[in-house]
C-alpha cells in the first residue's frame, strides 16, 4: 500500500461560452498509507474530480499527484497501481462471478494458479464463495457491489478508489455495506480513498474526512473534530444531521443578545469574542444541544440560557422527536426527548447547552475559536 499526496493541484476546464471554470482549486493534502479517507461535499464541489485525478482519468491543470514515492502526473491509469470501484457495478452480464473477478488478472496475463488463489481469497473475504457460478443478474444489489469490490481486491493495488459505491442501494443495504466496507479496511489494511455526498456515510467510514465546497478543501479532520470544531459555517452546517442551527446575535457586555433572549457566556467565550464587542456575530447550536425542560432536568443541565418559543413543526421519528421554532427570521431545530408531550402551537421553554454554543464571524463565516 502507499500514501497519496496532492501538491498545489488545480483542475480547470475551458469553455468558449463560460470561459475558464476551476473545478479544484490549489488542493494540498496527504493521505497516509493504510488510511481510510473520505471526500465529501455537495454536488459539483470537486470531490469526484479529485478522485478521478488520482486514478488518472482526469489530468490536473497544474501541481503534482504522488502515489507512494512516484509522481504519477503523466502515468496512464493502468500504470498507477490503483483499483477503482464505481457507482454502477460495471459487471459483465454474460460472465459468471468467478469470470468477472478473474477478468482483469487474465488481461494482465497473471499465472493461472495465482488468479485462482486471488479469486478464492477475495471470495472468502466477501462471502461470495457459493455464488461464483452465478451470473450478475442472479444477485442482489448488495451482492453485485461485493463483486465489484472483489474485482478491485484481486488486483492487490497500492490504493483503492471508491466513487459513491453505495448510491444505488436502498437504505438498509447501504447501512449493511458500510459495516462491511469498514471491516474490509481493517482486514486488508488498505489505503482507501472514498467519495460520497452523504455526510452520514462519511462520518461512519472515514478515519479522516476531506470536506469540499466549490472546488476548495474546507477542512480535513477526523469525524469528531469536524463535529466539535468545524472550521467555518459551511463545515458546521454540512456535518451533522439535522444540520447545525445558525442564529443572528450581538455580543455586548459579555453576553450574546438574540431576538427574544440574552445568553450568558463563559469566561473563555467572552475572551474569544472580545474583538466583537458591540458587533453582530453568528451563533451556532446543534439540534441535539437544545433541550426541552424535561430532558434538561434529567441531564442536570443549567437553564441559564433559555428562551420561550412557539412550536411551528413537530417530526416524530420514534427514537427522537424534532421540534422546529423561530428565532427572528431563522427556523431552528431542536432534537428533544420523545417522551416529552409537546404540541403544535404550544409555547415552551427551550434550553441551550452553554458549553456547546459556537460563534462565527458573519463576514468571513470562520469559526471564532474558544480556548
Protein backbone atom coordinates (compact mmCIF):
# COMPACT_ATOMS: atom_id res chain seq x y z
CA UNK A 1 0.00 0.00 0.00
CA UNK A 2 1.06 3.64 -0.31
CA UNK A 3 0.27 7.20 0.65
CA UNK A 4 -1.32 9.68 -1.76
CA UNK A 5 -0.29 13.33 -1.88
CA UNK A 6 -1.67 16.39 -3.66
CA UNK A 7 0.76 19.30 -4.07
CA UNK A 8 -0.90 22.51 -5.27
CA UNK A 9 -3.20 20.58 -7.58
CA UNK A 10 -5.51 22.68 -9.75
CA UNK A 11 -8.05 21.41 -12.27
CA UNK A 12 -9.53 23.87 -14.74
CA UNK A 13 -11.96 23.37 -17.60
CA UNK A 14 -12.16 25.75 -20.54
CA UNK A 15 -15.37 26.53 -22.36
CA UNK A 16 -15.89 29.02 -25.15
CA UNK A 17 -19.13 30.31 -23.64
CA UNK A 18 -18.35 30.20 -19.90
CA UNK A 19 -14.62 30.78 -20.09
CA UNK A 20 -12.40 29.06 -17.50
CA UNK A 21 -14.07 27.06 -14.76
CA UNK A 22 -11.99 25.91 -11.77
CA UNK A 23 -13.21 22.51 -10.54
CA UNK A 24 -10.43 22.01 -7.98
CA UNK A 25 -8.52 24.98 -6.58
CA UNK A 26 -4.97 24.66 -5.15
CA UNK A 27 -5.56 21.39 -3.32
CA UNK A 28 -2.91 20.25 -0.81
CA UNK A 29 -3.19 17.16 1.41
CA UNK A 30 -1.58 13.83 2.28
CA UNK A 31 -3.49 10.56 2.64
CA UNK A 32 -1.37 8.31 4.81
CA UNK A 33 -0.51 4.71 3.99
CA UNK A 34 -3.35 2.36 5.07
CA UNK A 35 -5.65 5.29 5.89
CA UNK A 36 -9.38 5.39 5.04
CA UNK A 37 -10.09 8.94 3.83
CA UNK A 38 -13.49 10.14 2.62
CA UNK A 39 -14.10 13.10 0.32
CA UNK A 40 -17.49 14.64 0.99
CA UNK A 41 -19.38 17.68 -0.20
CA UNK A 42 -22.35 18.79 -2.29
CA UNK A 43 -22.70 18.09 -6.00
CA UNK A 44 -20.11 19.99 -8.02
CA UNK A 45 -17.72 20.54 -5.12
CA UNK A 46 -14.76 18.79 -6.83
CA UNK A 47 -14.64 15.55 -4.85
CA UNK A 48 -15.15 13.18 -7.80
CA UNK A 49 -12.79 15.23 -9.97
CA UNK A 50 -10.13 14.83 -7.25
CA UNK A 51 -10.67 11.06 -7.20
CA UNK A 52 -10.51 10.85 -10.99
CA UNK A 53 -7.22 12.77 -10.98
CA UNK A 54 -5.75 10.21 -8.57
CA UNK A 55 -6.95 7.46 -10.92
CA UNK A 56 -5.54 9.20 -13.99
CA UNK A 57 -8.98 9.53 -15.61
CA UNK A 58 -8.59 13.32 -15.42
CA UNK A 59 -5.35 15.27 -15.89
CA UNK A 60 -4.65 18.09 -13.47
CA UNK A 61 -4.01 21.54 -14.95
CA UNK A 62 -1.08 22.11 -12.60
CA UNK A 63 0.51 20.66 -9.47
CA UNK A 64 1.74 17.17 -8.60
CA UNK A 65 -0.05 13.97 -7.62
CA UNK A 66 2.19 11.48 -5.82
CA UNK A 67 1.33 7.84 -5.10
CA UNK A 68 3.89 6.13 -2.90
CA UNK A 69 7.23 7.58 -3.97
CA UNK A 70 6.22 8.27 -7.60
CA UNK A 71 4.92 11.44 -9.21
CA UNK A 72 2.15 10.00 -11.39
CA UNK A 73 1.20 13.13 -13.35
CA UNK A 74 1.98 11.55 -16.71
CA UNK A 75 1.30 7.91 -15.91
CA UNK A 76 -1.51 6.02 -17.62
CA UNK A 77 -4.22 4.75 -15.20
CA UNK A 78 -3.12 1.13 -15.67
CA UNK A 79 0.41 2.06 -14.57
CA UNK A 80 -0.62 3.78 -11.31
CA UNK A 81 -1.31 0.55 -9.41
CA UNK A 82 -4.78 1.62 -8.29
CA UNK A 83 -8.16 -0.14 -8.38
CA UNK A 84 -11.44 1.73 -8.69
CA UNK A 85 -14.98 0.80 -7.67
CA UNK A 86 -17.66 2.83 -9.44
CA UNK A 87 -21.21 3.83 -8.57
CA UNK A 88 -22.56 1.38 -11.12
CA UNK A 89 -21.21 -2.12 -10.71
CA UNK A 90 -19.87 -2.36 -14.29
CA UNK A 91 -20.02 -6.17 -14.25
CA UNK A 92 -20.01 -8.21 -17.44
CA UNK A 93 -23.54 -9.67 -17.59
CA UNK A 94 -22.57 -12.67 -19.76
CA UNK A 95 -19.80 -13.77 -17.37
CA UNK A 96 -20.09 -15.68 -14.11
CA UNK A 97 -18.99 -14.02 -10.89
CA UNK A 98 -15.76 -16.02 -10.99
CA UNK A 99 -15.08 -14.86 -14.54
CA UNK A 100 -15.82 -11.25 -13.58
CA UNK A 101 -13.38 -11.45 -10.68
CA UNK A 102 -10.60 -13.02 -12.75
CA UNK A 103 -11.05 -10.98 -15.95
CA UNK A 104 -8.62 -8.20 -15.06
CA UNK A 105 -5.92 -10.59 -13.92
CA UNK A 106 -6.23 -12.63 -17.14
CA UNK A 107 -5.73 -9.44 -19.15
CA UNK A 108 -2.56 -8.84 -17.14
CA UNK A 109 -1.51 -12.39 -18.09
CA UNK A 110 -1.04 -13.49 -14.50
CA UNK A 111 -0.35 -17.22 -13.89
CA UNK A 112 -3.48 -19.38 -13.71
CA UNK A 113 -2.68 -20.64 -10.19
CA UNK A 114 -2.21 -17.07 -8.93
CA UNK A 115 -5.54 -15.99 -10.45
CA UNK A 116 -7.32 -18.94 -8.86
CA UNK A 117 -5.84 -18.21 -5.43
CA UNK A 118 -6.64 -14.49 -5.53
CA UNK A 119 -10.21 -15.10 -6.68
CA UNK A 120 -10.77 -17.59 -3.87
CA UNK A 121 -9.19 -15.28 -1.27
CA UNK A 122 -11.40 -12.36 -2.33
CA UNK A 123 -14.48 -14.60 -2.44
CA UNK A 124 -13.84 -15.81 1.10
CA UNK A 125 -13.35 -12.27 2.39
CA UNK A 126 -16.58 -11.03 0.79
CA UNK A 127 -18.77 -14.09 1.28
CA UNK A 128 -19.07 -14.82 -2.44
CA UNK A 129 -17.76 -18.40 -2.47
CA UNK A 130 -21.16 -20.00 -3.05
CA UNK A 131 -22.06 -17.54 -5.82
CA UNK A 132 -19.06 -17.93 -8.15
CA UNK A 133 -21.01 -19.84 -10.80
CA UNK A 134 -23.90 -17.37 -10.92
CA UNK A 135 -24.39 -14.50 -13.36
CA UNK A 136 -24.74 -10.90 -12.09
CA UNK A 137 -28.48 -10.83 -12.84
CA UNK A 138 -28.96 -13.61 -10.25
CA UNK A 139 -27.50 -11.47 -7.45
CA UNK A 140 -28.98 -8.71 -5.30
CA UNK A 141 -27.67 -5.16 -5.48
CA UNK A 142 -25.56 -5.65 -2.37
CA UNK A 143 -24.06 -8.87 -3.70
CA UNK A 144 -23.22 -7.24 -7.03
CA UNK A 145 -21.50 -4.42 -5.18
CA UNK A 146 -19.45 -7.02 -3.30
CA UNK A 147 -18.37 -8.48 -6.63
CA UNK A 148 -17.28 -5.03 -7.81
CA UNK A 149 -15.24 -4.65 -4.61
CA UNK A 150 -13.84 -8.16 -5.06
CA UNK A 151 -12.68 -7.30 -8.57
CA UNK A 152 -10.64 -4.48 -7.03
CA UNK A 153 -9.27 -6.69 -4.22
CA UNK A 154 -7.82 -9.33 -6.56
CA UNK A 155 -5.70 -6.62 -8.17
CA UNK A 156 -3.90 -6.12 -4.84
CA UNK A 157 -3.34 -2.42 -5.66
CA UNK A 158 -1.47 0.27 -3.74
CA UNK A 159 -4.65 2.36 -3.44
CA UNK A 160 -8.39 1.59 -3.60
CA UNK A 161 -10.63 4.31 -5.04
CA UNK A 162 -14.39 4.22 -4.35
CA UNK A 163 -16.67 6.58 -6.29
CA UNK A 164 -20.04 6.69 -4.47
CA UNK A 165 -20.27 2.87 -4.50
CA UNK A 166 -23.41 2.66 -2.35
CA UNK A 167 -25.58 5.22 -4.15
CA UNK A 168 -27.65 2.61 -5.99
CA UNK A 169 -28.51 0.60 -2.86
CA UNK A 170 -31.58 1.01 -0.65
CA UNK A 171 -31.22 2.45 2.85
CA UNK A 172 -30.97 -0.91 4.65
CA UNK A 173 -28.34 -2.27 2.25
CA UNK A 174 -26.33 0.94 2.47
CA UNK A 175 -26.00 0.52 6.23
CA UNK A 176 -25.03 -3.13 5.83
CA UNK A 177 -22.43 -2.33 3.16
CA UNK A 178 -20.96 0.49 5.26
CA UNK A 179 -20.27 -2.01 8.02
CA UNK A 180 -18.78 -4.48 5.53
CA UNK A 181 -16.51 -1.84 4.00
CA UNK A 182 -15.26 -0.74 7.42
CA UNK A 183 -14.48 -4.36 8.33
CA UNK A 184 -12.82 -4.90 4.94
CA UNK A 185 -10.49 -1.96 5.54
CA UNK A 186 -9.41 -3.38 8.88
CA UNK A 187 -8.82 -6.79 7.34
CA UNK A 188 -6.86 -5.58 4.31
CA UNK A 189 -5.02 -2.69 5.95
CA UNK A 190 -5.53 -0.88 2.65
CA UNK A 191 -5.21 2.75 1.60
CA UNK A 192 -8.76 3.73 0.65
CA UNK A 193 -9.98 6.97 -0.90
CA UNK A 194 -13.77 7.14 -0.87
CA UNK A 195 -16.10 9.74 -2.40
CA UNK A 196 -19.66 10.36 -1.23
CA UNK A 197 -22.19 13.19 -0.99
CA UNK A 198 -23.68 11.56 2.14
CA UNK A 199 -22.21 13.07 5.30
CA UNK A 200 -23.53 10.19 7.46
CA UNK A 201 -21.63 7.76 5.21
CA UNK A 202 -18.54 9.95 5.51
CA UNK A 203 -18.74 10.16 9.31
CA UNK A 204 -19.22 6.42 9.80
CA UNK A 205 -16.48 5.29 7.39
CA UNK A 206 -13.72 7.87 7.34
CA UNK A 207 -10.74 7.95 9.68
CA UNK A 208 -10.31 11.43 8.25
CA UNK A 209 -12.70 13.41 6.08
CA UNK A 210 -11.92 15.95 3.37
CA UNK A 211 -14.82 18.41 3.24
CA UNK A 212 -15.02 20.26 -0.08
CA UNK A 213 -17.14 23.08 -1.45
CA UNK A 214 -16.92 24.93 -4.76
CA UNK A 215 -13.62 23.26 -5.63
CA UNK A 216 -11.89 24.15 -2.36
CA UNK A 217 -10.94 22.00 0.58
CA UNK A 218 -12.76 23.48 3.58
CA UNK A 219 -11.34 21.25 6.32
CA UNK A 220 -9.51 17.93 6.71
CA UNK A 221 -10.02 16.25 10.06
CA UNK A 222 -11.41 13.27 11.95
CA UNK A 223 -15.20 12.98 12.28
CA UNK A 224 -15.11 14.12 15.93
CA UNK A 225 -13.05 17.23 15.13
CA UNK A 226 -15.34 18.17 12.23
CA UNK A 227 -18.35 17.79 14.51
CA UNK A 228 -16.95 19.61 17.55
CA UNK A 229 -14.55 22.11 15.96
CA UNK A 230 -15.80 22.99 12.45
CA UNK A 231 -13.53 25.38 10.58
CA UNK A 232 -16.36 27.50 9.23
CA UNK A 233 -20.11 27.75 8.79
CA UNK A 234 -20.12 25.54 5.70
CA UNK A 235 -18.49 22.62 7.54
CA UNK A 236 -20.66 23.24 10.62
CA UNK A 237 -23.82 23.18 8.52
CA UNK A 238 -22.82 20.25 6.30
CA UNK A 239 -21.57 17.88 9.01
CA UNK A 240 -24.26 16.65 11.39
CA UNK A 241 -27.84 15.58 10.83
CA UNK A 242 -30.00 17.57 11.27
CA UNK A 243 -27.70 20.46 10.40
CA UNK A 244 -26.38 22.97 12.92
CA UNK A 245 -28.70 25.91 13.65
CA UNK A 246 -27.40 29.42 12.95
CA UNK A 247 -28.85 32.45 14.74
CA UNK A 248 -28.14 36.17 14.48
CA UNK A 249 -26.75 37.60 17.72
CA UNK A 250 -24.88 40.61 19.07
CA UNK A 251 -22.03 40.36 21.57
CA UNK A 252 -22.23 43.06 24.20
CA UNK A 253 -21.07 43.33 27.83
CA UNK A 254 -20.09 39.68 27.99
CA UNK A 255 -23.43 38.37 26.75
CA UNK A 256 -24.93 37.16 23.48
CA UNK A 257 -28.13 39.01 22.68
CA UNK A 258 -30.58 37.19 20.39
CA UNK A 259 -34.10 38.12 19.42
CA UNK A 260 -36.16 37.05 22.42
CA UNK A 261 -33.28 36.05 24.72
CA UNK A 262 -29.96 37.03 26.26
CA UNK A 263 -27.40 34.27 26.83
CA UNK A 264 -24.72 34.22 29.50
CA UNK A 265 -21.29 33.22 28.20
CA UNK A 266 -18.31 31.52 29.82
CA UNK A 267 -15.07 33.37 30.52
CA UNK A 268 -13.42 31.54 27.63
CA UNK A 269 -16.22 32.54 25.24
CA UNK A 270 -16.03 36.15 26.41
CA UNK A 271 -12.25 36.23 25.81
CA UNK A 272 -12.66 34.77 22.32
CA UNK A 273 -15.35 37.33 21.41
CA UNK A 274 -13.54 40.34 22.89
CA UNK A 275 -12.78 41.80 19.44
CA UNK A 276 -16.51 41.64 18.55
CA UNK A 277 -17.73 43.89 21.40
CA UNK A 278 -20.90 45.64 20.24
CA UNK A 279 -20.86 43.82 16.91
CA UNK A 280 -23.02 41.13 15.30
CA UNK A 281 -21.90 37.50 15.45
CA UNK A 282 -23.48 34.30 14.22
CA UNK A 283 -24.26 31.77 16.93
CA UNK A 284 -24.38 28.09 16.04
CA UNK A 285 -26.01 25.33 18.10
CA UNK A 286 -26.66 21.76 17.04
CA UNK A 287 -30.24 20.43 17.42
CA UNK A 288 -29.08 17.82 19.93
CA UNK A 289 -27.79 20.60 22.21
CA UNK A 290 -31.16 22.34 22.52
CA UNK A 291 -33.29 20.64 25.18
CA UNK A 292 -36.83 20.61 26.42
CA UNK A 293 -37.24 21.22 30.20
CA UNK A 294 -37.86 17.51 30.98
CA UNK A 295 -34.63 16.33 29.33
CA UNK A 296 -32.59 19.23 30.75
CA UNK A 297 -33.78 18.32 34.23
CA UNK A 298 -32.87 14.65 33.74
CA UNK A 299 -29.39 15.60 32.49
CA UNK A 300 -28.91 18.24 35.20
CA UNK A 301 -28.26 20.94 32.59
CA UNK A 302 -28.49 24.55 33.74
CA UNK A 303 -31.40 26.58 32.34
CA UNK A 304 -29.33 29.80 32.44
CA UNK A 305 -29.50 30.05 28.62
CA UNK A 306 -33.12 29.51 27.65
CA UNK A 307 -35.84 31.10 25.58
CA UNK A 308 -39.58 30.76 25.15
CA UNK A 309 -40.71 29.95 21.63
CA UNK A 310 -43.78 28.66 19.83
CA UNK A 311 -43.59 25.21 18.24
CA UNK A 312 -44.04 25.52 14.46
CA UNK A 313 -43.49 21.92 13.28
CA UNK A 314 -43.08 18.55 15.01
CA UNK A 315 -41.48 15.44 13.47
CA UNK A 316 -41.93 12.21 15.45
CA UNK A 317 -39.14 9.81 14.44
CA UNK A 318 -39.61 7.12 17.09
CA UNK A 319 -36.31 7.24 18.98
CA UNK A 320 -36.27 11.04 18.81
CA UNK A 321 -38.53 13.98 18.12
CA UNK A 322 -37.54 17.05 16.13
CA UNK A 323 -39.23 20.32 17.03
CA UNK A 324 -38.99 23.48 14.92
CA UNK A 325 -39.38 27.05 16.18
CA UNK A 326 -38.33 30.52 15.07
CA UNK A 327 -35.63 32.81 16.40
CA UNK A 328 -36.06 36.06 14.48
CA UNK A 329 -36.24 35.17 10.78
CA UNK A 330 -34.46 31.82 11.18
CA UNK A 331 -36.10 28.45 11.72
CA UNK A 332 -34.37 26.49 14.50
CA UNK A 333 -34.44 22.74 15.06
CA UNK A 334 -34.31 21.05 18.48
CA UNK A 335 -33.90 17.30 18.97
CA UNK A 336 -35.97 16.65 22.09
CA UNK A 337 -36.89 13.74 24.32
CA UNK A 338 -39.58 11.66 22.51
CA UNK A 339 -41.32 11.19 25.87
CA UNK A 340 -41.90 14.93 26.10
CA UNK A 341 -45.53 15.86 25.43
CA UNK A 342 -45.05 18.81 23.06
CA UNK A 343 -47.96 20.04 20.97
CA UNK A 344 -48.07 22.08 17.77
CA UNK A 345 -48.57 25.77 18.51
CA UNK A 346 -47.50 25.36 22.12
CA UNK A 347 -45.09 27.90 23.63
CA UNK A 348 -42.41 26.15 25.66
CA UNK A 349 -39.01 26.87 27.14
CA UNK A 350 -36.04 25.67 25.10
CA UNK A 351 -32.76 25.30 26.97
CA UNK A 352 -29.43 25.76 25.19
CA UNK A 353 -26.35 23.89 26.40
CA UNK A 354 -23.96 26.71 27.39
CA UNK A 355 -20.88 24.56 26.64
CA UNK A 356 -21.97 23.62 23.11
CA UNK A 357 -22.51 27.02 21.54
CA UNK A 358 -20.32 28.01 18.59
CA UNK A 359 -19.67 31.53 17.31
CA UNK A 360 -18.78 32.57 13.76
CA UNK A 361 -17.65 35.79 12.11
CA UNK A 362 -20.68 36.80 9.99
CA UNK A 363 -18.43 38.27 7.26
CA UNK A 364 -15.79 35.56 6.84
CA UNK A 365 -18.04 32.73 8.18
CA UNK A 366 -14.95 31.37 10.00
CA UNK A 367 -15.46 29.88 13.48
CA UNK A 368 -14.24 32.02 16.35
CA UNK A 369 -12.06 29.59 18.31
CA UNK A 370 -12.74 29.35 22.05
CA UNK A 371 -9.71 28.19 24.04
